[in-house]
Amino acid sequence: MVPLLILAASALVPTQRQVIALAPDEPVLSAPFELRGGYLGFPRISLQAELPPETAMELDADLLDLAGTVVLQFSQEGWRQTVTWVEEGATFTGDESEAAMTVALRPRTGGPHRLRLTLADLLDSAGLPRTEPITLRLEVRNHTVDAPLLLFTAMVSLAMVLILQASVYRGWQLQRMRRVEEARLGLRLRVGGSGLLRLELRAWWERPINDRPPLADLPAVQLTLTVSDALGRCRLSEQRSLAPFHGSSEDGDHWLTLVETFYLQVGEPQGLRFRFDLPERIEDGGEPWEIEWCELVLEDGVLPAFPVAAPPLARVGTLAGPGEEQPR
């Protein structure tokens, strides 16, 4: 995260731009620009010359501070030419050039600076001097950073975090999965100990003729979770009202799905029965959606990486009455 924040902070620093007309052997002073050092990156001065075809140049530059003292001197040769090549019997023509110069520096003192630019040579392809001026584009950026290095550092840091998260938080002591082709699903298992119990329920509904989309807003689905112990005592009962998700394919098929996750605090290891109840059908004013399957994934000993709501089981439950159906 820190490398990305540094990269974002650097991108927010405005770029100072100037356009300068430069004739051979006629020094030109740029307008003042600000150079600032600091802990975030470094200043960078970039010059781009717009050369006519078949031209070579030599550019001299002096960096001056506010008092006119030369702080740094540098020079650059550049050229532009037209090239022709033959490939598979066809002739191609292209334009090649190298007329850019970039200088990264850390000034001893920040403040206004100027560039004194001199076009020492401007020659045509025959080596003869040219007299017409050229255009120079000047860009000054403060707090420039090495973007590829920062992106690589961010990717390596993310990979290390994911590996650490997988080794610490994604393990479980026990995992079970069960699928049934009805709206009621039950599972009996001995669970508990360190960590949390994670229950993920998935359900799927379809119409008998599955090429018809929903006719209106879909009603909420009532999902009920009941947890009881081996003696039939209710340890937890929770009901949630959920909105099903409508999906479709390129072939025109339509379906409804539901995915919901529960986290529970079980405490000491014990035998428990889990039962989920869903509606067999979902009515939307047309042909009803009928349940195709219901699937439960149970993981015990889970350590979530982020805070989750995990209610504890009741210490003392109530025994189910003779007319009440026991969880399967």
Protein backbone atom coordinates (compact mmCIF):
# COMPACT_ATOMS: atom_id res chain seq x y z
CA MET A 1 0.00 0.00 0.00
CA VAL A 2 2.79 2.48 0.85
CA PRO A 3 4.46 2.22 -2.62
CA LEU A 4 1.11 2.89 -4.29
CA LEU A 5 0.47 5.89 -2.02
CA ILE A 6 3.90 7.28 -2.93
CA LEU A 7 3.16 6.76 -6.64
CA ALA A 8 -0.24 8.45 -6.29
CA ALA A 9 1.27 11.39 -4.37
CA SER A 10 3.90 11.83 -7.08
CA ALA A 11 1.26 11.79 -9.81
CA LEU A 12 -0.62 14.61 -8.08
CA VAL A 13 2.37 16.99 -8.33
CA PRO A 14 1.70 19.34 -11.29
CA THR A 15 4.08 19.43 -14.25
CA GLN A 16 5.61 22.77 -15.30
CA ARG A 17 5.65 23.15 -19.10
CA GLN A 18 7.15 25.69 -21.48
CA VAL A 19 7.53 26.00 -25.27
CA ILE A 20 10.74 27.70 -26.43
CA ALA A 21 11.80 28.80 -29.93
CA LEU A 22 15.54 28.36 -30.39
CA ALA A 23 17.69 29.54 -33.30
CA PRO A 24 21.28 28.36 -33.98
CA ASP A 25 23.98 30.14 -31.95
CA GLU A 26 21.44 32.37 -30.18
CA PRO A 27 21.25 31.59 -26.44
CA VAL A 28 17.75 31.78 -24.97
CA LEU A 29 16.70 31.95 -21.34
CA SER A 30 13.62 30.00 -20.29
CA ALA A 31 11.00 31.40 -17.98
CA PRO A 32 11.66 30.73 -14.27
CA PHE A 33 10.49 27.37 -12.94
CA GLU A 34 10.46 25.91 -9.46
CA LEU A 35 12.83 23.15 -8.39
CA ARG A 36 12.17 21.48 -5.06
CA GLY A 37 14.04 18.67 -3.37
CA GLY A 38 12.66 16.45 -0.63
CA TYR A 39 12.18 12.94 0.61
CA LEU A 40 9.56 12.07 -2.02
CA GLY A 41 11.33 11.48 -5.33
CA PHE A 42 13.56 13.94 -7.13
CA PRO A 43 13.21 16.80 -9.67
CA ARG A 44 13.43 15.90 -13.36
CA ILE A 45 14.00 18.21 -16.31
CA SER A 46 12.96 16.96 -19.77
CA LEU A 47 13.64 18.62 -23.13
CA GLN A 48 12.10 17.50 -26.43
CA ALA A 49 13.26 19.10 -29.70
CA GLU A 50 11.02 19.20 -32.76
CA LEU A 51 13.50 18.79 -35.63
CA PRO A 52 12.81 19.03 -39.36
CA PRO A 53 13.52 15.87 -41.40
CA GLU A 54 17.13 15.00 -42.22
CA THR A 55 18.57 17.16 -39.44
CA ALA A 56 21.19 16.74 -36.72
CA MET A 57 21.72 19.02 -33.73
CA GLU A 58 23.84 19.64 -30.63
CA LEU A 59 22.14 21.34 -27.71
CA ASP A 60 23.93 22.91 -24.72
CA ALA A 61 22.06 23.75 -21.52
CA ASP A 62 23.07 25.63 -18.38
CA LEU A 63 20.93 25.45 -15.25
CA LEU A 64 20.97 28.81 -13.45
CA ASP A 65 19.77 29.65 -9.96
CA LEU A 66 17.99 32.87 -9.02
CA ALA A 67 21.30 34.75 -8.77
CA GLY A 68 22.35 33.65 -12.28
CA THR A 69 25.01 31.21 -11.07
CA VAL A 70 25.51 28.11 -13.18
CA VAL A 71 24.41 25.14 -11.09
CA LEU A 72 24.65 22.39 -13.72
CA GLN A 73 25.80 22.09 -17.34
CA PHE A 74 24.76 19.36 -19.75
CA SER A 75 24.52 18.82 -23.50
CA GLN A 76 22.76 16.47 -25.89
CA GLU A 77 23.11 15.47 -29.53
CA GLY A 78 19.99 14.70 -31.53
CA TRP A 79 18.90 13.77 -35.03
CA ARG A 80 15.95 13.00 -37.25
CA GLN A 81 16.05 11.09 -40.51
CA THR A 82 13.85 9.22 -42.95
CA VAL A 83 14.62 5.52 -43.39
CA THR A 84 13.48 3.11 -46.12
CA TRP A 85 13.48 -0.68 -45.99
CA VAL A 86 12.18 -3.59 -48.04
CA GLU A 87 10.23 -6.44 -46.49
CA GLU A 88 8.68 -9.34 -48.45
CA GLY A 89 8.92 -7.39 -51.69
CA ALA A 90 7.26 -4.26 -50.32
CA THR A 91 9.01 -0.96 -49.66
CA PHE A 92 8.34 0.89 -46.43
CA THR A 93 9.34 4.40 -45.34
CA GLY A 94 9.51 5.56 -41.75
CA ASP A 95 10.70 8.45 -39.63
CA GLU A 96 13.26 7.90 -36.87
CA SER A 97 14.51 10.46 -34.38
CA GLU A 98 16.36 10.87 -31.13
CA ALA A 99 15.88 14.40 -29.90
CA ALA A 100 14.95 14.08 -26.23
CA MET A 101 16.99 14.78 -23.11
CA THR A 102 16.13 14.04 -19.49
CA VAL A 103 18.12 15.07 -16.43
CA ALA A 104 17.32 13.94 -12.87
CA LEU A 105 18.96 15.95 -10.11
CA ARG A 106 18.76 16.93 -6.46
CA PRO A 107 19.36 20.67 -6.12
CA ARG A 108 21.27 21.87 -3.06
CA THR A 109 18.69 24.59 -2.51
CA GLY A 110 15.16 24.72 -3.86
CA GLY A 111 13.60 27.74 -5.48
CA PRO A 112 13.25 29.41 -8.88
CA HIS A 113 15.67 28.30 -11.61
CA ARG A 114 16.09 28.98 -15.34
CA LEU A 115 17.68 27.22 -18.29
CA ARG A 116 20.07 28.94 -20.70
CA LEU A 117 19.76 27.01 -23.96
CA THR A 118 22.16 27.23 -26.91
CA LEU A 119 21.77 25.42 -30.21
CA ALA A 120 25.45 24.85 -30.94
CA ASP A 121 24.89 22.98 -34.22
CA LEU A 122 21.95 22.47 -36.54
CA LEU A 123 23.01 20.61 -39.69
CA ASP A 124 21.23 19.04 -42.65
CA SER A 125 22.01 15.60 -44.10
CA ALA A 126 24.92 17.04 -46.12
CA GLY A 127 26.52 18.55 -42.98
CA LEU A 128 25.61 22.12 -43.92
CA PRO A 129 24.29 24.58 -41.31
CA ARG A 130 20.57 25.30 -41.13
CA THR A 131 19.33 28.70 -40.02
CA GLU A 132 15.63 28.19 -39.23
CA PRO A 133 14.68 28.00 -35.51
CA ILE A 134 13.42 24.85 -33.89
CA THR A 135 10.86 24.33 -31.13
CA LEU A 136 11.85 22.97 -27.74
CA ARG A 137 9.33 21.62 -25.25
CA LEU A 138 10.43 21.88 -21.62
CA GLU A 139 8.85 19.87 -18.81
CA VAL A 140 9.84 20.12 -15.15
CA ARG A 141 8.50 17.66 -12.58
CA ASN A 142 9.29 17.74 -8.91
CA HIS A 143 9.10 14.61 -6.76
CA THR A 144 9.57 12.16 -9.63
CA VAL A 145 9.68 8.51 -8.56
CA ASP A 146 10.66 5.23 -10.18
CA ALA A 147 7.17 3.98 -11.10
CA PRO A 148 8.17 0.46 -12.31
CA LEU A 149 10.17 -0.15 -9.13
CA LEU A 150 7.29 1.02 -6.94
CA LEU A 151 4.79 -1.16 -8.82
CA PHE A 152 7.10 -4.17 -8.50
CA THR A 153 7.50 -3.47 -4.77
CA ALA A 154 3.72 -3.20 -4.38
CA MET A 155 3.16 -6.52 -6.19
CA VAL A 156 5.77 -8.31 -4.08
CA SER A 157 4.30 -6.82 -0.90
CA LEU A 158 0.79 -7.90 -1.93
CA ALA A 159 2.01 -11.44 -2.66
CA MET A 160 3.67 -11.64 0.77
CA VAL A 161 0.48 -10.38 2.47
CA LEU A 162 -1.65 -12.94 0.62
CA ILE A 163 0.73 -15.75 1.53
CA LEU A 164 0.69 -14.66 5.18
CA GLN A 165 -3.08 -14.34 5.16
CA ALA A 166 -3.48 -17.79 3.61
CA SER A 167 -1.14 -19.38 6.15
CA VAL A 168 -2.76 -17.71 9.17
CA TYR A 169 -6.42 -17.10 8.36
CA ARG A 170 -7.50 -19.51 5.63
CA GLY A 171 -6.89 -22.76 7.40
CA TRP A 172 -9.56 -24.90 9.04
CA GLN A 173 -9.55 -27.98 11.19
CA LEU A 174 -12.61 -29.60 9.61
CA GLN A 175 -14.53 -29.18 6.39
CA ARG A 176 -17.71 -30.89 5.23
CA MET A 177 -19.97 -30.35 2.22
CA ARG A 178 -23.44 -31.70 1.54
CA ARG A 179 -25.87 -31.14 -1.35
CA VAL A 180 -29.54 -32.14 -1.54
CA GLU A 181 -32.20 -31.64 -4.20
CA GLU A 182 -34.77 -30.12 -1.88
CA ALA A 183 -35.36 -26.98 0.18
CA ARG A 184 -34.39 -28.49 3.55
CA LEU A 185 -30.85 -29.47 4.37
CA GLY A 186 -29.57 -31.02 7.59
CA LEU A 187 -26.17 -32.10 8.86
CA ARG A 188 -25.03 -33.66 12.13
CA LEU A 189 -21.40 -33.21 13.13
CA ARG A 190 -19.08 -32.87 16.10
CA VAL A 191 -17.57 -29.38 16.00
CA GLY A 192 -16.05 -26.83 18.36
CA GLY A 193 -12.75 -25.78 19.83
CA SER A 194 -10.53 -22.92 18.73
CA GLY A 195 -11.68 -20.61 15.98
CA LEU A 196 -15.16 -20.04 14.56
CA LEU A 197 -17.64 -22.23 12.73
CA ARG A 198 -18.37 -21.06 9.19
CA LEU A 199 -21.54 -22.18 7.38
CA GLU A 200 -22.06 -21.20 3.74
CA LEU A 201 -25.37 -22.08 2.12
CA ARG A 202 -25.92 -22.02 -1.64
CA ALA A 203 -29.26 -22.56 -3.35
CA TRP A 204 -30.51 -22.67 -6.96
CA TRP A 205 -34.04 -22.21 -8.36
CA GLU A 206 -35.30 -22.65 -11.93
CA ARG A 207 -38.62 -22.50 -13.75
CA PRO A 208 -39.95 -25.66 -15.41
CA ILE A 209 -39.43 -23.69 -18.64
CA ASN A 210 -36.22 -21.85 -17.86
CA ASP A 211 -36.26 -19.36 -20.76
CA ARG A 212 -38.54 -16.90 -18.99
CA PRO A 213 -37.00 -14.05 -16.97
CA PRO A 214 -38.59 -12.67 -13.78
CA LEU A 215 -41.90 -10.89 -14.46
CA ALA A 216 -41.64 -8.47 -11.53
CA ASP A 217 -39.57 -7.66 -8.47
CA LEU A 218 -38.63 -10.90 -6.79
CA PRO A 219 -39.88 -11.43 -3.24
CA ALA A 220 -37.41 -11.89 -0.42
CA VAL A 221 -36.42 -15.45 0.45
CA GLN A 222 -36.85 -16.51 4.08
CA LEU A 223 -33.86 -18.57 5.24
CA THR A 224 -33.98 -20.23 8.66
CA LEU A 225 -31.02 -21.78 10.48
CA THR A 226 -31.68 -24.03 13.47
CA VAL A 227 -28.90 -25.49 15.61
CA SER A 228 -29.67 -28.13 18.26
CA ASP A 229 -27.62 -30.50 20.34
CA ALA A 230 -27.81 -34.29 20.53
CA LEU A 231 -30.67 -34.10 23.06
CA GLY A 232 -32.83 -31.96 20.81
CA ARG A 233 -32.30 -28.75 22.75
CA CYS A 234 -32.36 -25.65 20.56
CA ARG A 235 -29.06 -23.86 20.84
CA LEU A 236 -29.64 -21.26 18.10
CA SER A 237 -32.45 -20.22 15.77
CA GLU A 238 -31.92 -17.44 13.27
CA GLN A 239 -34.03 -16.26 10.35
CA ARG A 240 -32.84 -13.98 7.55
CA SER A 241 -34.76 -12.30 4.76
CA LEU A 242 -32.59 -12.31 1.64
CA ALA A 243 -32.89 -11.12 -1.96
CA PRO A 244 -32.17 -13.84 -4.56
CA PHE A 245 -29.84 -13.08 -7.45
CA HIS A 246 -31.17 -13.45 -11.01
CA GLY A 247 -28.72 -14.93 -13.54
CA SER A 248 -28.98 -15.71 -17.23
CA SER A 249 -26.90 -17.27 -20.00
CA GLU A 250 -26.33 -16.47 -23.68
CA ASP A 251 -28.67 -19.34 -24.55
CA GLY A 252 -31.57 -17.54 -22.87
CA ASP A 253 -31.71 -19.65 -19.71
CA HIS A 254 -32.63 -17.95 -16.44
CA TRP A 255 -32.18 -18.98 -12.83
CA LEU A 256 -32.16 -17.65 -9.28
CA THR A 257 -29.34 -18.19 -6.81
CA LEU A 258 -28.72 -17.47 -3.17
CA VAL A 259 -25.46 -17.51 -1.20
CA GLU A 260 -25.40 -16.73 2.52
CA THR A 261 -22.70 -17.19 5.17
CA PHE A 262 -23.07 -17.68 8.93
CA TYR A 263 -20.33 -17.52 11.58
CA LEU A 264 -20.93 -19.13 14.97
CA GLN A 265 -19.06 -19.43 18.25
CA VAL A 266 -19.38 -23.05 19.34
CA GLY A 267 -16.99 -23.22 22.30
CA GLU A 268 -16.12 -26.68 23.61
CA PRO A 269 -16.26 -29.59 21.11
CA GLN A 270 -19.76 -31.07 20.99
CA GLY A 271 -22.13 -32.88 18.67
CA LEU A 272 -24.58 -30.53 16.93
CA ARG A 273 -27.30 -30.75 14.33
CA PHE A 274 -27.67 -28.00 11.72
CA ARG A 275 -30.79 -27.49 9.65
CA PHE A 276 -31.49 -24.95 6.93
CA ASP A 277 -35.02 -24.31 5.66
CA LEU A 278 -35.75 -22.50 2.38
CA PRO A 279 -38.94 -22.06 0.33
CA GLU A 280 -39.58 -24.77 -2.24
CA ARG A 281 -40.94 -22.18 -4.66
CA ILE A 282 -40.49 -18.47 -5.36
CA GLU A 283 -43.53 -16.68 -6.77
CA ASP A 284 -43.18 -13.61 -9.00
CA GLY A 285 -46.63 -13.56 -10.66
CA GLY A 286 -45.75 -16.09 -13.36
CA GLU A 287 -44.75 -19.70 -13.39
CA PRO A 288 -43.08 -20.35 -10.01
CA TRP A 289 -39.36 -20.88 -9.59
CA GLU A 290 -38.71 -24.32 -8.11
CA ILE A 291 -35.73 -25.37 -6.02
CA GLU A 292 -33.15 -27.43 -7.92
CA TRP A 293 -30.56 -28.00 -5.22
CA CYS A 294 -29.29 -26.72 -1.92
CA GLU A 295 -25.64 -27.04 -0.80
CA LEU A 296 -23.96 -26.49 2.55
CA VAL A 297 -20.22 -26.00 3.12
CA LEU A 298 -19.18 -26.26 6.77
CA GLU A 299 -15.73 -25.25 8.00
CA ASP A 300 -14.67 -25.52 11.65
CA GLY A 301 -11.70 -23.78 13.29
CA VAL A 302 -11.83 -20.77 10.98
CA LEU A 303 -9.86 -17.60 11.84
CA PRO A 304 -11.35 -14.75 9.75
CA ALA A 305 -8.96 -12.03 8.62
CA PHE A 306 -11.59 -9.33 9.28
CA PRO A 307 -14.18 -8.84 12.04
CA VAL A 308 -17.39 -10.83 11.51
CA ALA A 309 -20.63 -11.18 13.46
CA ALA A 310 -20.43 -14.56 15.23
CA PRO A 311 -23.16 -15.12 17.84
CA PRO A 312 -22.46 -17.76 20.52
CA LEU A 313 -24.66 -20.80 21.00
CA ALA A 314 -27.07 -20.71 23.92
CA ARG A 315 -25.76 -22.44 27.03
CA VAL A 316 -29.15 -23.82 28.03
CA GLY A 317 -31.60 -24.68 25.25
CA THR A 318 -35.18 -25.85 25.18
CA LEU A 319 -36.12 -29.41 24.35
CA ALA A 320 -38.20 -29.72 21.23
CA GLY A 321 -41.80 -30.63 21.88
CA PRO A 322 -43.39 -33.86 20.69
CA GLY A 323 -45.14 -32.15 17.80
CA GLU A 324 -42.02 -30.35 16.56
CA GLU A 325 -39.93 -32.03 13.93
CA GLN A 326 -36.32 -32.59 14.87
CA PRO A 327 -33.51 -31.32 12.64
CA ARG A 328 -32.11 -33.94 10.36
